Amino acid sequence: MDFDPHEQQEFDALIAAWLPKPDFYPFVLSPTVLGKLRFVHGLIHPEGNVR
């Protein structure tokens, strides 16, 4: 990973870095679940307001 996950604002970059390829992952995160995770990420790191 070439960024600090605590400083990363881009949700998609975090998902790509933390979740392996779908072929290797035991389950798939549905678009609904990803939307909820994106929502929580936005609450923790409002755009332009990183620690």
PDB file of N, CA and C in Angstrom:
ATOM      1  N   MET A   1       0.864  -1.169   0.000  1.00  0.00           N
ATOM      2  CA  MET A   1       0.000   0.000   0.000  1.00  0.00           C
ATOM      3  C   MET A   1       0.905   1.224   0.000  1.00  0.00           C
ATOM      4  N   ASP A   2       0.635   2.138  -0.888  1.00  0.00           N
ATOM      5  CA  ASP A   2       1.503   3.316  -1.012  1.00  0.00           C
ATOM      6  C   ASP A   2       0.873   4.581  -0.428  1.00  0.00           C
ATOM      7  N   PHE A   3      -0.053   4.404   0.527  1.00  0.00           N
ATOM      8  CA  PHE A   3      -0.658   5.554   1.195  1.00  0.00           C
ATOM      9  C   PHE A   3      -1.010   5.165   2.621  1.00  0.00           C
ATOM     10  N   ASP A   4      -1.191   6.178   3.460  1.00  0.00           N
ATOM     11  CA  ASP A   4      -1.607   5.956   4.850  1.00  0.00           C
ATOM     12  C   ASP A   4      -3.126   5.789   4.852  1.00  0.00           C
ATOM     13  N   PRO A   5      -3.647   4.620   5.252  1.00  0.00           N
ATOM     14  CA  PRO A   5      -5.097   4.418   5.210  1.00  0.00           C
ATOM     15  C   PRO A   5      -5.863   5.373   6.119  1.00  0.00           C
ATOM     16  N   HIS A   6      -5.203   5.911   7.130  1.00  0.00           N
ATOM     17  CA  HIS A   6      -5.865   6.860   8.032  1.00  0.00           C
ATOM     18  C   HIS A   6      -5.997   8.239   7.399  1.00  0.00           C
ATOM     19  N   GLU A   7      -5.200   8.484   6.368  1.00  0.00           N
ATOM     20  CA  GLU A   7      -5.227   9.779   5.695  1.00  0.00           C
ATOM     21  C   GLU A   7      -5.963   9.725   4.357  1.00  0.00           C
ATOM     22  N   GLN A   8      -6.289   8.553   3.892  1.00  0.00           N
ATOM     23  CA  GLN A   8      -6.899   8.380   2.569  1.00  0.00           C
ATOM     24  C   GLN A   8      -8.363   8.814   2.576  1.00  0.00           C
ATOM     25  N   GLN A   9      -8.707   9.722   1.689  1.00  0.00           N
ATOM     26  CA  GLN A   9     -10.092  10.176   1.572  1.00  0.00           C
ATOM     27  C   GLN A   9     -10.868   9.356   0.563  1.00  0.00           C
ATOM     28  N   GLU A  10     -10.195   8.801  -0.417  1.00  0.00           N
ATOM     29  CA  GLU A  10     -10.882   8.099  -1.495  1.00  0.00           C
ATOM     30  C   GLU A  10     -11.269   6.686  -1.066  1.00  0.00           C
ATOM     31  N   PHE A  11     -12.559   6.463  -0.934  1.00  0.00           N
ATOM     32  CA  PHE A  11     -13.085   5.186  -0.479  1.00  0.00           C
ATOM     33  C   PHE A  11     -12.687   4.044  -1.415  1.00  0.00           C
ATOM     34  N   ASP A  12     -12.806   4.260  -2.712  1.00  0.00           N
ATOM     35  CA  ASP A  12     -12.495   3.200  -3.679  1.00  0.00           C
ATOM     36  C   ASP A  12     -11.032   2.762  -3.584  1.00  0.00           C
ATOM     37  N   ALA A  13     -10.139   3.685  -3.286  1.00  0.00           N
ATOM     38  CA  ALA A  13      -8.725   3.329  -3.122  1.00  0.00           C
ATOM     39  C   ALA A  13      -8.542   2.436  -1.899  1.00  0.00           C
ATOM     40  N   LEU A  14      -9.268   2.720  -0.825  1.00  0.00           N
ATOM     41  CA  LEU A  14      -9.190   1.875   0.369  1.00  0.00           C
ATOM     42  C   LEU A  14      -9.705   0.471   0.089  1.00  0.00           C
ATOM     43  N   ILE A  15     -10.837   0.372  -0.580  1.00  0.00           N
ATOM     44  CA  ILE A  15     -11.412  -0.940  -0.892  1.00  0.00           C
ATOM     45  C   ILE A  15     -10.454  -1.728  -1.780  1.00  0.00           C
ATOM     46  N   ALA A  16      -9.893  -1.090  -2.784  1.00  0.00           N
ATOM     47  CA  ALA A  16      -8.973  -1.776  -3.696  1.00  0.00           C
ATOM     48  C   ALA A  16      -7.725  -2.261  -2.954  1.00  0.00           C
ATOM     49  N   ALA A  17      -7.262  -1.490  -1.972  1.00  0.00           N
ATOM     50  CA  ALA A  17      -6.049  -1.864  -1.240  1.00  0.00           C
ATOM     51  C   ALA A  17      -6.304  -2.944  -0.199  1.00  0.00           C
ATOM     52  N   TRP A  18      -7.464  -2.922   0.435  1.00  0.00           N
ATOM     53  CA  TRP A  18      -7.723  -3.819   1.561  1.00  0.00           C
ATOM     54  C   TRP A  18      -8.409  -5.119   1.183  1.00  0.00           C
ATOM     55  N   LEU A  19      -9.158  -5.132   0.112  1.00  0.00           N
ATOM     56  CA  LEU A  19      -9.856  -6.362  -0.276  1.00  0.00           C
ATOM     57  C   LEU A  19      -9.139  -6.991  -1.460  1.00  0.00           C
ATOM     58  N   PRO A  20      -8.764  -8.245  -1.313  1.00  0.00           N
ATOM     59  CA  PRO A  20      -8.099  -8.911  -2.432  1.00  0.00           C
ATOM     60  C   PRO A  20      -9.052  -9.099  -3.616  1.00  0.00           C
ATOM     61  N   LYS A  21      -8.523  -9.613  -4.669  1.00  0.00           N
ATOM     62  CA  LYS A  21      -9.337  -9.877  -5.856  1.00  0.00           C
ATOM     63  C   LYS A  21     -10.520 -10.766  -5.482  1.00  0.00           C
ATOM     64  N   PRO A  22     -11.675 -10.566  -6.097  1.00  0.00           N
ATOM     65  CA  PRO A  22     -12.873 -11.346  -5.750  1.00  0.00           C
ATOM     66  C   PRO A  22     -12.664 -12.865  -5.822  1.00  0.00           C
ATOM     67  N   ASP A  23     -11.797 -13.326  -6.713  1.00  0.00           N
ATOM     68  CA  ASP A  23     -11.561 -14.771  -6.829  1.00  0.00           C
ATOM     69  C   ASP A  23     -10.985 -15.372  -5.554  1.00  0.00           C
ATOM     70  N   PHE A  24     -10.286 -14.559  -4.777  1.00  0.00           N
ATOM     71  CA  PHE A  24      -9.629 -15.050  -3.570  1.00  0.00           C
ATOM     72  C   PHE A  24     -10.405 -14.740  -2.301  1.00  0.00           C
ATOM     73  N   TYR A  25     -11.411 -13.917  -2.393  1.00  0.00           N
ATOM     74  CA  TYR A  25     -12.177 -13.507  -1.217  1.00  0.00           C
ATOM     75  C   TYR A  25     -13.338 -14.472  -1.008  1.00  0.00           C
ATOM     76  N   PRO A  26     -13.618 -14.893   0.215  1.00  0.00           N
ATOM     77  CA  PRO A  26     -14.644 -15.911   0.443  1.00  0.00           C
ATOM     78  C   PRO A  26     -16.084 -15.438   0.189  1.00  0.00           C
ATOM     79  N   PHE A  27     -16.304 -14.166   0.107  1.00  0.00           N
ATOM     80  CA  PHE A  27     -17.634 -13.658  -0.195  1.00  0.00           C
ATOM     81  C   PHE A  27     -17.507 -12.346  -0.951  1.00  0.00           C
ATOM     82  N   VAL A  28     -18.586 -11.933  -1.559  1.00  0.00           N
ATOM     83  CA  VAL A  28     -18.588 -10.706  -2.359  1.00  0.00           C
ATOM     84  C   VAL A  28     -19.327  -9.623  -1.593  1.00  0.00           C
ATOM     85  N   LEU A  29     -18.762  -8.431  -1.576  1.00  0.00           N
ATOM     86  CA  LEU A  29     -19.443  -7.291  -0.962  1.00  0.00           C
ATOM     87  C   LEU A  29     -20.384  -6.706  -2.012  1.00  0.00           C
ATOM     88  N   SER A  30     -21.666  -6.727  -1.705  1.00  0.00           N
ATOM     89  CA  SER A  30     -22.666  -6.236  -2.644  1.00  0.00           C
ATOM     90  C   SER A  30     -22.579  -4.719  -2.781  1.00  0.00           C
ATOM     91  N   PRO A  31     -23.141  -4.173  -3.851  1.00  0.00           N
ATOM     92  CA  PRO A  31     -23.165  -2.718  -4.000  1.00  0.00           C
ATOM     93  C   PRO A  31     -23.849  -2.023  -2.807  1.00  0.00           C
ATOM     94  N   THR A  32     -24.852  -2.654  -2.214  1.00  0.00           N
ATOM     95  CA  THR A  32     -25.535  -2.071  -1.055  1.00  0.00           C
ATOM     96  C   THR A  32     -24.572  -1.969   0.139  1.00  0.00           C
ATOM     97  N   VAL A  33     -23.825  -3.027   0.379  1.00  0.00           N
ATOM     98  CA  VAL A  33     -22.860  -3.021   1.487  1.00  0.00           C
ATOM     99  C   VAL A  33     -21.770  -1.992   1.230  1.00  0.00           C
ATOM    100  N   LEU A  34     -21.249  -1.950   0.014  1.00  0.00           N
ATOM    101  CA  LEU A  34     -20.228  -0.958  -0.313  1.00  0.00           C
ATOM    102  C   LEU A  34     -20.769   0.458  -0.150  1.00  0.00           C
ATOM    103  N   GLY A  35     -22.031   0.680  -0.494  1.00  0.00           N
ATOM    104  CA  GLY A  35     -22.644   1.996  -0.297  1.00  0.00           C
ATOM    105  C   GLY A  35     -22.716   2.379   1.169  1.00  0.00           C
ATOM    106  N   LYS A  36     -23.035   1.420   2.017  1.00  0.00           N
ATOM    107  CA  LYS A  36     -23.087   1.696   3.458  1.00  0.00           C
ATOM    108  C   LYS A  36     -21.699   1.981   3.998  1.00  0.00           C
ATOM    109  N   LEU A  37     -20.702   1.208   3.563  1.00  0.00           N
ATOM    110  CA  LEU A  37     -19.324   1.462   3.996  1.00  0.00           C
ATOM    111  C   LEU A  37     -18.848   2.831   3.508  1.00  0.00           C
ATOM    112  N   ARG A  38     -19.218   3.179   2.270  1.00  0.00           N
ATOM    113  CA  ARG A  38     -18.845   4.496   1.724  1.00  0.00           C
ATOM    114  C   ARG A  38     -19.492   5.618   2.555  1.00  0.00           C
ATOM    115  N   PHE A  39     -20.738   5.418   2.978  1.00  0.00           N
ATOM    116  CA  PHE A  39     -21.440   6.398   3.802  1.00  0.00           C
ATOM    117  C   PHE A  39     -20.707   6.605   5.132  1.00  0.00           C
ATOM    118  N   VAL A  40     -20.356   5.510   5.797  1.00  0.00           N
ATOM    119  CA  VAL A  40     -19.647   5.605   7.083  1.00  0.00           C
ATOM    120  C   VAL A  40     -18.287   6.269   6.884  1.00  0.00           C
ATOM    121  N   HIS A  41     -17.590   5.906   5.832  1.00  0.00           N
ATOM    122  CA  HIS A  41     -16.298   6.528   5.530  1.00  0.00           C
ATOM    123  C   HIS A  41     -16.464   8.042   5.378  1.00  0.00           C
ATOM    124  N   GLY A  42     -17.533   8.455   4.704  1.00  0.00           N
ATOM    125  CA  GLY A  42     -17.799   9.886   4.528  1.00  0.00           C
ATOM    126  C   GLY A  42     -18.089  10.598   5.833  1.00  0.00           C
ATOM    127  N   LEU A  43     -18.699   9.907   6.784  1.00  0.00           N
ATOM    128  CA  LEU A  43     -18.941  10.510   8.098  1.00  0.00           C
ATOM    129  C   LEU A  43     -17.640  10.686   8.877  1.00  0.00           C
ATOM    130  N   ILE A  44     -16.752   9.706   8.742  1.00  0.00           N
ATOM    131  CA  ILE A  44     -15.495   9.757   9.476  1.00  0.00           C
ATOM    132  C   ILE A  44     -14.517  10.731   8.833  1.00  0.00           C
ATOM    133  N   HIS A  45     -14.483  10.751   7.501  1.00  0.00           N
ATOM    134  CA  HIS A  45     -13.571  11.631   6.750  1.00  0.00           C
ATOM    135  C   HIS A  45     -14.370  12.497   5.792  1.00  0.00           C
ATOM    136  N   PRO A  46     -15.029  13.536   6.301  1.00  0.00           N
ATOM    137  CA  PRO A  46     -15.741  14.428   5.373  1.00  0.00           C
ATOM    138  C   PRO A  46     -14.770  14.970   4.335  1.00  0.00           C
ATOM    139  N   GLU A  47     -15.255  15.165   3.122  1.00  0.00           N
ATOM    140  CA  GLU A  47     -14.390  15.607   2.032  1.00  0.00           C
ATOM    141  C   GLU A  47     -13.589  16.855   2.421  1.00  0.00           C
ATOM    142  N   GLY A  48     -12.288  16.776   2.189  1.00  0.00           N
ATOM    143  CA  GLY A  48     -11.418  17.897   2.493  1.00  0.00           C
ATOM    144  C   GLY A  48     -11.068  18.059   3.948  1.00  0.00           C
ATOM    145  N   ASN A  49     -11.475  17.114   4.801  1.00  0.00           N
ATOM    146  CA  ASN A  49     -11.220  17.242   6.242  1.00  0.00           C
ATOM    147  C   ASN A  49     -10.540  15.968   6.764  1.00  0.00           C
ATOM    148  N   VAL A  50      -9.276  15.817   6.378  1.00  0.00           N
ATOM    149  CA  VAL A  50      -8.507  14.658   6.820  1.00  0.00           C
ATOM    150  C   VAL A  50      -7.661  15.071   8.009  1.00  0.00           C
ATOM    151  N   ARG A  51      -7.431  14.127   8.932  1.00  0.00           N
ATOM    152  CA  ARG A  51      -6.635  14.436  10.127  1.00  0.00           C
ATOM    153  C   ARG A  51      -5.355  15.116   9.809  1.00  0.00           C
TER     154      ARG A  51
END
